[in-house]
């Protein structure tokens, strides 16, 4: 191989390698856009970690899997992983109402979001979103409020301690 061709190949290879690497660190909030209601957010390195998975058992049965159901007040970084086969979301409701006692609107097949203190919006199947919330002490119910999902099992009581 001629010297000029070798040098050109080296420069091209170096450009490809640099172009494929990311200069963003894990402490810089970033969202990877995927054009489909999901993506991965890389959070700043603050907030107590909480892992939540959305799952589908059947066409009419869905649920959440939490790694814990209580956490200390303050910044909480939730990793929401949709392991189901359809879109799911995570709405954080601060309420003393039991998780299975929220009123379902007969027209929308959803519960009221009036007590919402935050949410991770509709997330496509197979996607993960990470978001940090500043949670106050109290009782919460986390729900998926996509039509019928709350009634089909997507609810979880959660406590934030003082």
C-alpha atoms as a PDB file:
ATOM      1  CA  UNK A   1       0.000   0.000   0.000  1.00  0.00           C
ATOM      2  CA  UNK A   2       1.370   3.434  -0.873  1.00  0.00           C
ATOM      3  CA  UNK A   3       2.241   5.843   1.935  1.00  0.00           C
ATOM      4  CA  UNK A   4      -0.410   8.446   0.919  1.00  0.00           C
ATOM      5  CA  UNK A   5      -3.153   5.800   0.769  1.00  0.00           C
ATOM      6  CA  UNK A   6      -2.150   4.438   4.181  1.00  0.00           C
ATOM      7  CA  UNK A   7      -2.240   7.926   5.726  1.00  0.00           C
ATOM      8  CA  UNK A   8      -5.659   8.620   4.183  1.00  0.00           C
ATOM      9  CA  UNK A   9      -6.982   5.300   5.469  1.00  0.00           C
ATOM     10  CA  UNK A  10      -5.668   6.069   8.975  1.00  0.00           C
ATOM     11  CA  UNK A  11      -7.329   9.505   8.995  1.00  0.00           C
ATOM     12  CA  UNK A  12     -10.638   8.032   7.775  1.00  0.00           C
ATOM     13  CA  UNK A  13     -10.537   5.259  10.386  1.00  0.00           C
ATOM     14  CA  UNK A  14      -9.719   7.763  13.151  1.00  0.00           C
ATOM     15  CA  UNK A  15     -12.631   9.977  12.035  1.00  0.00           C
ATOM     16  CA  UNK A  16     -15.019   7.014  12.128  1.00  0.00           C
ATOM     17  CA  UNK A  17     -13.853   5.971  15.586  1.00  0.00           C
ATOM     18  CA  UNK A  18     -14.212   9.500  17.005  1.00  0.00           C
ATOM     19  CA  UNK A  19     -17.576   9.967  15.292  1.00  0.00           C
ATOM     20  CA  UNK A  20     -18.908   6.791  16.915  1.00  0.00           C
ATOM     21  CA  UNK A  21     -17.803   7.679  20.413  1.00  0.00           C
ATOM     22  CA  UNK A  22     -19.727   9.954  22.729  1.00  0.00           C
ATOM     23  CA  UNK A  23     -18.186  12.870  24.531  1.00  0.00           C
ATOM     24  CA  UNK A  24     -21.065  13.100  27.026  1.00  0.00           C
ATOM     25  CA  UNK A  25     -20.497  11.897  30.541  1.00  0.00           C
ATOM     26  CA  UNK A  26     -22.969  10.099  32.783  1.00  0.00           C
ATOM     27  CA  UNK A  27     -23.361  13.285  34.837  1.00  0.00           C
ATOM     28  CA  UNK A  28     -24.792  15.251  31.905  1.00  0.00           C
ATOM     29  CA  UNK A  29     -28.570  14.878  31.490  1.00  0.00           C
ATOM     30  CA  UNK A  30     -29.177  13.627  27.958  1.00  0.00           C
ATOM     31  CA  UNK A  31     -32.101  12.114  26.116  1.00  0.00           C
ATOM     32  CA  UNK A  32     -31.528   9.785  23.201  1.00  0.00           C
ATOM     33  CA  UNK A  33     -34.241  10.651  20.733  1.00  0.00           C
ATOM     34  CA  UNK A  34     -35.765   7.705  18.964  1.00  0.00           C
ATOM     35  CA  UNK A  35     -38.869   9.347  17.539  1.00  0.00           C
ATOM     36  CA  UNK A  36     -41.222   6.996  19.345  1.00  0.00           C
ATOM     37  CA  UNK A  37     -42.227   8.115  22.822  1.00  0.00           C
ATOM     38  CA  UNK A  38     -39.268   6.551  24.542  1.00  0.00           C
ATOM     39  CA  UNK A  39     -35.567   6.782  24.562  1.00  0.00           C
ATOM     40  CA  UNK A  40     -32.982   6.651  27.257  1.00  0.00           C
ATOM     41  CA  UNK A  41     -32.266   9.559  29.543  1.00  0.00           C
ATOM     42  CA  UNK A  42     -28.886   9.613  31.235  1.00  0.00           C
ATOM     43  CA  UNK A  43     -29.440  11.467  34.518  1.00  0.00           C
ATOM     44  CA  UNK A  44     -27.192  13.655  36.558  1.00  0.00           C
ATOM     45  CA  UNK A  45     -25.580  11.612  39.324  1.00  0.00           C
ATOM     46  CA  UNK A  46     -27.995  12.776  42.032  1.00  0.00           C
ATOM     47  CA  UNK A  47     -31.023  11.185  43.599  1.00  0.00           C
ATOM     48  CA  UNK A  48     -31.621   7.922  45.411  1.00  0.00           C
ATOM     49  CA  UNK A  49     -32.113   5.173  42.810  1.00  0.00           C
ATOM     50  CA  UNK A  50     -35.478   3.480  42.226  1.00  0.00           C
ATOM     51  CA  UNK A  51     -36.004   0.835  39.555  1.00  0.00           C
ATOM     52  CA  UNK A  52     -39.472   0.286  38.048  1.00  0.00           C
ATOM     53  CA  UNK A  53     -40.349  -2.185  35.295  1.00  0.00           C
ATOM     54  CA  UNK A  54     -43.601  -2.224  33.342  1.00  0.00           C
ATOM     55  CA  UNK A  55     -44.683  -5.718  32.265  1.00  0.00           C
ATOM     56  CA  UNK A  56     -47.514  -7.344  30.327  1.00  0.00           C
ATOM     57  CA  UNK A  57     -48.858 -10.732  31.373  1.00  0.00           C
ATOM     58  CA  UNK A  58     -51.624 -10.757  28.731  1.00  0.00           C
ATOM     59  CA  UNK A  59     -53.775  -8.447  26.625  1.00  0.00           C
ATOM     60  CA  UNK A  60     -55.761  -7.538  29.747  1.00  0.00           C
ATOM     61  CA  UNK A  61     -53.225  -7.882  32.561  1.00  0.00           C
ATOM     62  CA  UNK A  62     -50.268  -5.589  33.136  1.00  0.00           C
ATOM     63  CA  UNK A  63     -48.225  -4.765  36.222  1.00  0.00           C
ATOM     64  CA  UNK A  64     -45.263  -2.923  37.685  1.00  0.00           C
ATOM     65  CA  UNK A  65     -42.229  -4.476  39.346  1.00  0.00           C
ATOM     66  CA  UNK A  66     -40.537  -2.130  41.860  1.00  0.00           C
ATOM     67  CA  UNK A  67     -37.167  -2.846  43.467  1.00  0.00           C
ATOM     68  CA  UNK A  68     -38.516  -1.161  46.638  1.00  0.00           C
ATOM     69  CA  UNK A  69     -41.800   0.387  47.762  1.00  0.00           C
ATOM     70  CA  UNK A  70     -40.384   2.959  50.172  1.00  0.00           C
ATOM     71  CA  UNK A  71     -37.638   5.566  49.906  1.00  0.00           C
ATOM     72  CA  UNK A  72     -36.369   8.596  51.840  1.00  0.00           C
ATOM     73  CA  UNK A  73     -37.682  12.041  50.903  1.00  0.00           C
ATOM     74  CA  UNK A  74     -35.607  14.138  48.532  1.00  0.00           C
ATOM     75  CA  UNK A  75     -34.294  13.568  45.050  1.00  0.00           C
ATOM     76  CA  UNK A  76     -35.243  10.165  43.662  1.00  0.00           C
ATOM     77  CA  UNK A  77     -33.921   8.985  40.313  1.00  0.00           C
ATOM     78  CA  UNK A  78     -36.378   6.544  38.751  1.00  0.00           C
ATOM     79  CA  UNK A  79     -35.226   4.155  36.047  1.00  0.00           C
ATOM     80  CA  UNK A  80     -38.428   3.191  34.229  1.00  0.00           C
ATOM     81  CA  UNK A  81     -37.945   0.175  31.964  1.00  0.00           C
ATOM     82  CA  UNK A  82     -40.809  -0.875  29.709  1.00  0.00           C
ATOM     83  CA  UNK A  83     -40.416  -4.653  29.418  1.00  0.00           C
ATOM     84  CA  UNK A  84     -43.967  -4.971  28.118  1.00  0.00           C
ATOM     85  CA  UNK A  85     -45.252  -5.257  24.567  1.00  0.00           C
ATOM     86  CA  UNK A  86     -47.085  -1.901  24.378  1.00  0.00           C
ATOM     87  CA  UNK A  87     -46.655   1.682  25.589  1.00  0.00           C
ATOM     88  CA  UNK A  88     -46.717   2.336  29.334  1.00  0.00           C
ATOM     89  CA  UNK A  89     -46.218   5.404  31.506  1.00  0.00           C
ATOM     90  CA  UNK A  90     -45.578   6.133  35.172  1.00  0.00           C
ATOM     91  CA  UNK A  91     -47.702   8.766  36.918  1.00  0.00           C
ATOM     92  CA  UNK A  92     -46.750   9.665  40.515  1.00  0.00           C
ATOM     93  CA  UNK A  93     -49.878  10.514  42.538  1.00  0.00           C
ATOM     94  CA  UNK A  94     -49.445  11.861  46.095  1.00  0.00           C
ATOM     95  CA  UNK A  95     -52.548  10.536  47.844  1.00  0.00           C
ATOM     96  CA  UNK A  96     -53.762   8.763  50.970  1.00  0.00           C
ATOM     97  CA  UNK A  97     -56.158   6.697  48.824  1.00  0.00           C
ATOM     98  CA  UNK A  98     -55.275   3.006  48.584  1.00  0.00           C
ATOM     99  CA  UNK A  99     -53.665   1.891  45.318  1.00  0.00           C
ATOM    100  CA  UNK A 100     -56.678  -0.241  44.368  1.00  0.00           C
ATOM    101  CA  UNK A 101     -59.296   2.351  45.426  1.00  0.00           C
ATOM    102  CA  UNK A 102     -58.760   5.152  42.896  1.00  0.00           C
ATOM    103  CA  UNK A 103     -61.931   6.010  40.961  1.00  0.00           C
ATOM    104  CA  UNK A 104     -61.859   5.037  37.283  1.00  0.00           C
ATOM    105  CA  UNK A 105     -63.704   7.462  34.983  1.00  0.00           C
ATOM    106  CA  UNK A 106     -66.224   5.389  33.003  1.00  0.00           C
ATOM    107  CA  UNK A 107     -65.763   7.538  29.880  1.00  0.00           C
ATOM    108  CA  UNK A 108     -61.959   7.582  29.679  1.00  0.00           C
ATOM    109  CA  UNK A 109     -61.120   4.373  31.601  1.00  0.00           C
ATOM    110  CA  UNK A 110     -58.463   6.388  33.461  1.00  0.00           C
ATOM    111  CA  UNK A 111     -58.013   7.711  37.000  1.00  0.00           C
ATOM    112  CA  UNK A 112     -57.780  11.423  37.867  1.00  0.00           C
ATOM    113  CA  UNK A 113     -54.313  12.917  37.653  1.00  0.00           C
ATOM    114  CA  UNK A 114     -55.198  15.851  39.928  1.00  0.00           C
ATOM    115  CA  UNK A 115     -52.815  14.535  42.624  1.00  0.00           C
ATOM    116  CA  UNK A 116     -49.926  14.111  40.157  1.00  0.00           C
ATOM    117  CA  UNK A 117     -46.505  15.315  41.292  1.00  0.00           C
ATOM    118  CA  UNK A 118     -44.722  14.112  38.165  1.00  0.00           C
ATOM    119  CA  UNK A 119     -44.641  11.538  35.437  1.00  0.00           C
ATOM    120  CA  UNK A 120     -42.622   9.606  32.954  1.00  0.00           C
ATOM    121  CA  UNK A 121     -44.677   9.943  29.784  1.00  0.00           C
ATOM    122  CA  UNK A 122     -45.699   7.194  27.398  1.00  0.00           C
ATOM    123  CA  UNK A 123     -42.714   4.961  26.828  1.00  0.00           C
ATOM    124  CA  UNK A 124     -42.575   2.481  23.966  1.00  0.00           C
ATOM    125  CA  UNK A 125     -42.038  -1.229  24.568  1.00  0.00           C
ATOM    126  CA  UNK A 126     -38.379  -2.059  25.033  1.00  0.00           C
ATOM    127  CA  UNK A 127     -37.388   1.500  25.978  1.00  0.00           C
ATOM    128  CA  UNK A 128     -35.960   2.882  29.222  1.00  0.00           C
ATOM    129  CA  UNK A 129     -36.345   6.383  30.634  1.00  0.00           C
ATOM    130  CA  UNK A 130     -34.532   7.764  33.676  1.00  0.00           C
ATOM    131  CA  UNK A 131     -35.873  10.847  35.429  1.00  0.00           C
ATOM    132  CA  UNK A 132     -35.224  12.531  38.779  1.00  0.00           C
ATOM    133  CA  UNK A 133     -38.040  13.790  41.020  1.00  0.00           C
ATOM    134  CA  UNK A 134     -37.938  15.735  44.290  1.00  0.00           C
ATOM    135  CA  UNK A 135     -40.399  13.787  46.446  1.00  0.00           C
ATOM    136  CA  UNK A 136     -41.873  14.997  49.742  1.00  0.00           C
ATOM    137  CA  UNK A 137     -42.741  12.630  52.611  1.00  0.00           C
ATOM    138  CA  UNK A 138     -46.124  10.939  52.322  1.00  0.00           C
ATOM    139  CA  UNK A 139     -48.150   8.219  50.653  1.00  0.00           C
ATOM    140  CA  UNK A 140     -48.168   7.817  46.900  1.00  0.00           C
ATOM    141  CA  UNK A 141     -49.758   5.627  44.271  1.00  0.00           C
ATOM    142  CA  UNK A 142     -47.809   5.122  41.043  1.00  0.00           C
ATOM    143  CA  UNK A 143     -50.007   4.243  38.061  1.00  0.00           C
ATOM    144  CA  UNK A 144     -49.955   3.738  34.334  1.00  0.00           C
ATOM    145  CA  UNK A 145     -52.856   5.914  33.204  1.00  0.00           C
ATOM    146  CA  UNK A 146     -53.053   4.811  29.604  1.00  0.00           C
ATOM    147  CA  UNK A 147     -56.659   3.798  28.932  1.00  0.00           C
ATOM    148  CA  UNK A 148     -57.628   0.695  30.973  1.00  0.00           C
ATOM    149  CA  UNK A 149     -54.087  -0.014  32.254  1.00  0.00           C
ATOM    150  CA  UNK A 150     -54.801   1.061  35.870  1.00  0.00           C
ATOM    151  CA  UNK A 151     -57.830  -1.251  35.955  1.00  0.00           C
ATOM    152  CA  UNK A 152     -55.754  -4.064  34.469  1.00  0.00           C
ATOM    153  CA  UNK A 153     -53.213  -3.976  37.285  1.00  0.00           C
ATOM    154  CA  UNK A 154     -50.778  -1.122  36.705  1.00  0.00           C
ATOM    155  CA  UNK A 155     -50.764   0.452  40.171  1.00  0.00           C
ATOM    156  CA  UNK A 156     -48.395   0.399  43.118  1.00  0.00           C
ATOM    157  CA  UNK A 157     -48.588   1.919  46.602  1.00  0.00           C
ATOM    158  CA  UNK A 158     -45.404   3.761  47.494  1.00  0.00           C
ATOM    159  CA  UNK A 159     -44.197   5.535  50.641  1.00  0.00           C
ATOM    160  CA  UNK A 160     -41.737   8.414  50.904  1.00  0.00           C
ATOM    161  CA  UNK A 161     -40.365   8.679  54.440  1.00  0.00           C
ATOM    162  CA  UNK A 162     -39.407  11.922  56.195  1.00  0.00           C
END
